[in-house]
Amino acid sequence: MNRIIWMGIGVAIGVIAFRKLTEAQSNLGPEGLNRAVGRLADGVYDFADAVRVGMHERESELRSALGVDAGVETGVAGRGVVRR
C-alpha cells in the first residue's frame, strides 16, 4: 500500500515536470518571444493610454477650478495671441 502511494506521488511529479518543460520550450522559441514582446507592447500602450486619460481628467478639473472654458479659444485683441 505504501509503495502505491509513493508511485502515485512520483507519477504526479513527473507529469508536472513534463508540463513545465513543455511550457518552457514553447516560451523559448520564436513564437514565445513574439508573444512576450506583444504582451509588453500591449502593456506599454495600455499604460500610456491610462496616463493620457488621467491627464485629460486632471486638466478638466483644473480648468473648471480656474473657471476657464475648455473648448473655447479666446484671442487677445491687438496682440495676435490665442489662448486655449
N, C-alpha and C. Protein backbone atom coordinates (compact mmCIF):
# COMPACT_ATOMS: atom_id res chain seq x y z
N MET A 1 0.82 -1.19 0.00
CA MET A 1 0.00 0.00 0.00
C MET A 1 0.87 1.26 0.00
N ASN A 2 1.93 1.24 0.77
CA ASN A 2 2.82 2.38 0.88
C ASN A 2 3.52 2.65 -0.45
N ARG A 3 3.88 1.59 -1.16
CA ARG A 3 4.55 1.72 -2.46
C ARG A 3 3.62 2.35 -3.50
N ILE A 4 2.36 2.03 -3.45
CA ILE A 4 1.39 2.59 -4.40
C ILE A 4 1.27 4.10 -4.20
N ILE A 5 1.26 4.54 -2.96
CA ILE A 5 1.16 5.98 -2.66
C ILE A 5 2.40 6.70 -3.21
N TRP A 6 3.57 6.14 -2.96
CA TRP A 6 4.80 6.77 -3.44
C TRP A 6 4.88 6.74 -4.96
N MET A 7 4.37 5.70 -5.55
CA MET A 7 4.36 5.62 -7.02
C MET A 7 3.43 6.69 -7.59
N GLY A 8 2.27 6.90 -6.98
CA GLY A 8 1.34 7.94 -7.41
C GLY A 8 1.95 9.33 -7.27
N ILE A 9 2.65 9.56 -6.17
CA ILE A 9 3.32 10.85 -5.97
C ILE A 9 4.39 11.05 -7.05
N GLY A 10 5.14 10.01 -7.36
CA GLY A 10 6.18 10.09 -8.39
C GLY A 10 5.60 10.38 -9.76
N VAL A 11 4.49 9.73 -10.09
CA VAL A 11 3.83 9.98 -11.38
C VAL A 11 3.33 11.41 -11.45
N ALA A 12 2.74 11.91 -10.38
CA ALA A 12 2.24 13.28 -10.35
C ALA A 12 3.38 14.28 -10.54
N ILE A 13 4.50 14.05 -9.87
CA ILE A 13 5.66 14.93 -10.02
C ILE A 13 6.19 14.87 -11.44
N GLY A 14 6.22 13.68 -12.03
CA GLY A 14 6.67 13.53 -13.41
C GLY A 14 5.78 14.27 -14.40
N VAL A 15 4.48 14.19 -14.21
CA VAL A 15 3.54 14.90 -15.09
C VAL A 15 3.71 16.40 -14.96
N ILE A 16 3.84 16.89 -13.74
CA ILE A 16 4.02 18.33 -13.52
C ILE A 16 5.34 18.80 -14.15
N ALA A 17 6.40 18.03 -13.97
CA ALA A 17 7.70 18.40 -14.55
C ALA A 17 7.63 18.41 -16.07
N PHE A 18 6.95 17.42 -16.67
CA PHE A 18 6.83 17.36 -18.12
C PHE A 18 6.07 18.57 -18.64
N ARG A 19 5.01 18.96 -17.97
CA ARG A 19 4.24 20.13 -18.40
C ARG A 19 5.06 21.41 -18.30
N LYS A 20 5.83 21.55 -17.22
CA LYS A 20 6.66 22.74 -17.05
C LYS A 20 7.75 22.81 -18.13
N LEU A 21 8.35 21.68 -18.46
CA LEU A 21 9.37 21.65 -19.50
C LEU A 21 8.79 21.99 -20.87
N THR A 22 7.62 21.46 -21.16
CA THR A 22 6.96 21.76 -22.44
C THR A 22 6.62 23.24 -22.53
N GLU A 23 6.14 23.82 -21.44
CA GLU A 23 5.81 25.25 -21.41
C GLU A 23 7.07 26.09 -21.59
N ALA A 24 8.16 25.70 -20.94
CA ALA A 24 9.41 26.44 -21.06
C ALA A 24 9.94 26.38 -22.49
N GLN A 25 9.84 25.24 -23.15
CA GLN A 25 10.30 25.11 -24.52
C GLN A 25 9.49 26.00 -25.46
N SER A 26 8.19 26.07 -25.25
CA SER A 26 7.36 26.90 -26.12
C SER A 26 7.63 28.38 -25.89
N ASN A 27 8.01 28.76 -24.66
CA ASN A 27 8.30 30.16 -24.37
C ASN A 27 9.67 30.59 -24.89
N LEU A 28 10.59 29.65 -25.06
CA LEU A 28 11.93 29.99 -25.50
C LEU A 28 12.05 30.11 -27.01
N GLY A 29 11.12 29.59 -27.75
CA GLY A 29 11.17 29.65 -29.20
C GLY A 29 10.78 31.01 -29.74
N PRO A 30 10.85 31.18 -31.05
CA PRO A 30 10.49 32.47 -31.66
C PRO A 30 9.04 32.87 -31.39
N GLU A 31 8.15 31.90 -31.38
CA GLU A 31 6.74 32.22 -31.12
C GLU A 31 6.56 32.74 -29.70
N GLY A 32 7.25 32.12 -28.76
CA GLY A 32 7.17 32.57 -27.37
C GLY A 32 7.73 33.97 -27.20
N LEU A 33 8.82 34.26 -27.92
CA LEU A 33 9.40 35.59 -27.86
C LEU A 33 8.44 36.62 -28.45
N ASN A 34 7.81 36.27 -29.56
CA ASN A 34 6.83 37.18 -30.17
C ASN A 34 5.66 37.45 -29.23
N ARG A 35 5.19 36.41 -28.54
CA ARG A 35 4.10 36.61 -27.59
C ARG A 35 4.52 37.52 -26.45
N ALA A 36 5.75 37.31 -25.94
CA ALA A 36 6.23 38.12 -24.83
C ALA A 36 6.37 39.59 -25.24
N VAL A 37 6.92 39.85 -26.42
CA VAL A 37 7.07 41.22 -26.90
C VAL A 37 5.71 41.84 -27.14
N GLY A 38 4.78 41.07 -27.68
CA GLY A 38 3.42 41.58 -27.90
C GLY A 38 2.74 41.96 -26.60
N ARG A 39 2.91 41.12 -25.58
CA ARG A 39 2.31 41.44 -24.27
C ARG A 39 2.94 42.69 -23.69
N LEU A 40 4.26 42.83 -23.83
CA LEU A 40 4.94 44.01 -23.32
C LEU A 40 4.46 45.27 -24.04
N ALA A 41 4.35 45.19 -25.36
CA ALA A 41 3.88 46.34 -26.14
C ALA A 41 2.45 46.70 -25.76
N ASP A 42 1.60 45.71 -25.56
CA ASP A 42 0.22 45.97 -25.14
C ASP A 42 0.19 46.65 -23.77
N GLY A 43 1.04 46.18 -22.87
CA GLY A 43 1.10 46.78 -21.54
C GLY A 43 1.55 48.22 -21.57
N VAL A 44 2.57 48.51 -22.40
CA VAL A 44 3.05 49.89 -22.53
C VAL A 44 1.96 50.77 -23.13
N TYR A 45 1.27 50.27 -24.15
CA TYR A 45 0.19 51.04 -24.77
C TYR A 45 -0.93 51.32 -23.76
N ASP A 46 -1.32 50.30 -23.00
CA ASP A 46 -2.37 50.49 -22.01
C ASP A 46 -1.96 51.50 -20.94
N PHE A 47 -0.69 51.43 -20.51
CA PHE A 47 -0.19 52.38 -19.52
C PHE A 47 -0.22 53.80 -20.06
N ALA A 48 0.26 53.99 -21.30
CA ALA A 48 0.27 55.32 -21.90
C ALA A 48 -1.15 55.84 -22.07
N ASP A 49 -2.08 54.97 -22.44
CA ASP A 49 -3.48 55.37 -22.59
C ASP A 49 -4.07 55.80 -21.24
N ALA A 50 -3.75 55.07 -20.18
CA ALA A 50 -4.24 55.42 -18.85
C ALA A 50 -3.66 56.76 -18.40
N VAL A 51 -2.40 57.01 -18.70
CA VAL A 51 -1.79 58.29 -18.35
C VAL A 51 -2.46 59.42 -19.12
N ARG A 52 -2.72 59.21 -20.41
CA ARG A 52 -3.39 60.22 -21.23
C ARG A 52 -4.77 60.55 -20.68
N VAL A 53 -5.52 59.53 -20.31
CA VAL A 53 -6.86 59.75 -19.75
C VAL A 53 -6.77 60.52 -18.44
N GLY A 54 -5.83 60.15 -17.61
CA GLY A 54 -5.64 60.85 -16.34
C GLY A 54 -5.26 62.31 -16.53
N MET A 55 -4.40 62.56 -17.53
CA MET A 55 -4.01 63.94 -17.82
C MET A 55 -5.21 64.77 -18.25
N HIS A 56 -6.05 64.20 -19.12
CA HIS A 56 -7.23 64.94 -19.58
C HIS A 56 -8.22 65.19 -18.44
N GLU A 57 -8.38 64.21 -17.56
CA GLU A 57 -9.28 64.41 -16.42
C GLU A 57 -8.76 65.51 -15.51
N ARG A 58 -7.45 65.47 -15.23
CA ARG A 58 -6.87 66.48 -14.34
C ARG A 58 -6.93 67.87 -14.98
N GLU A 59 -6.70 67.93 -16.29
CA GLU A 59 -6.78 69.22 -16.98
C GLU A 59 -8.19 69.79 -16.90
N SER A 60 -9.19 68.95 -17.08
CA SER A 60 -10.57 69.44 -16.99
C SER A 60 -10.91 69.88 -15.57
N GLU A 61 -10.37 69.17 -14.56
CA GLU A 61 -10.58 69.59 -13.17
C GLU A 61 -9.95 70.95 -12.91
N LEU A 62 -8.73 71.14 -13.40
CA LEU A 62 -8.05 72.41 -13.19
C LEU A 62 -8.75 73.53 -13.93
N ARG A 63 -9.19 73.27 -15.15
CA ARG A 63 -9.90 74.30 -15.92
C ARG A 63 -11.20 74.70 -15.23
N SER A 64 -11.94 73.73 -14.71
CA SER A 64 -13.19 74.08 -14.03
C SER A 64 -12.91 74.81 -12.72
N ALA A 65 -11.82 74.46 -12.03
CA ALA A 65 -11.48 75.14 -10.78
C ALA A 65 -11.05 76.58 -11.03
N LEU A 66 -10.39 76.80 -12.18
CA LEU A 66 -9.94 78.16 -12.51
C LEU A 66 -10.97 78.96 -13.27
N GLY A 67 -12.05 78.31 -13.69
CA GLY A 67 -13.10 79.00 -14.42
C GLY A 67 -12.76 79.25 -15.87
N VAL A 68 -11.93 78.42 -16.44
CA VAL A 68 -11.53 78.56 -17.84
C VAL A 68 -12.35 77.58 -18.66
N ASP A 69 -12.95 78.08 -19.78
CA ASP A 69 -13.71 77.18 -20.65
C ASP A 69 -12.74 76.30 -21.42
N ALA A 70 -12.95 75.02 -21.40
CA ALA A 70 -12.03 74.08 -22.03
C ALA A 70 -12.13 74.07 -23.53
N GLY A 71 -13.31 74.29 -24.10
CA GLY A 71 -13.48 74.15 -25.53
C GLY A 71 -13.42 75.44 -26.32
N VAL A 72 -13.27 76.59 -25.66
CA VAL A 72 -13.35 77.88 -26.35
C VAL A 72 -11.96 78.50 -26.43
N GLU A 73 -11.57 78.88 -27.65
CA GLU A 73 -10.31 79.60 -27.83
C GLU A 73 -10.62 81.09 -27.83
N THR A 74 -9.87 81.85 -27.04
CA THR A 74 -10.09 83.29 -26.99
C THR A 74 -8.84 83.99 -27.47
N GLY A 75 -9.03 85.04 -28.23
CA GLY A 75 -7.90 85.83 -28.72
C GLY A 75 -7.83 87.13 -27.96
N VAL A 76 -6.61 87.60 -27.74
CA VAL A 76 -6.42 88.88 -27.08
C VAL A 76 -6.35 89.94 -28.18
N ALA A 77 -7.20 90.94 -28.11
CA ALA A 77 -7.32 91.95 -29.17
C ALA A 77 -6.02 92.74 -29.30
N GLY A 78 -5.55 92.89 -30.55
CA GLY A 78 -4.40 93.72 -30.82
C GLY A 78 -3.06 93.02 -30.66
N ARG A 79 -3.00 91.88 -30.02
CA ARG A 79 -1.72 91.23 -29.78
C ARG A 79 -1.53 89.99 -30.65
N GLY A 80 -2.59 89.43 -31.19
CA GLY A 80 -2.48 88.25 -32.02
C GLY A 80 -2.18 86.97 -31.23
N VAL A 81 -2.42 86.98 -29.95
CA VAL A 81 -2.16 85.83 -29.10
C VAL A 81 -3.44 85.04 -28.93
N VAL A 82 -3.37 83.76 -29.12
CA VAL A 82 -4.54 82.91 -28.95
C VAL A 82 -4.27 82.00 -27.75
N ARG A 83 -5.19 82.02 -26.81
CA ARG A 83 -5.04 81.18 -25.62
C ARG A 83 -6.07 80.08 -25.65
N ARG A 84 -5.71 78.98 -25.11
CA ARG A 84 -6.64 77.84 -25.05
C ARG A 84 -6.97 77.52 -23.62
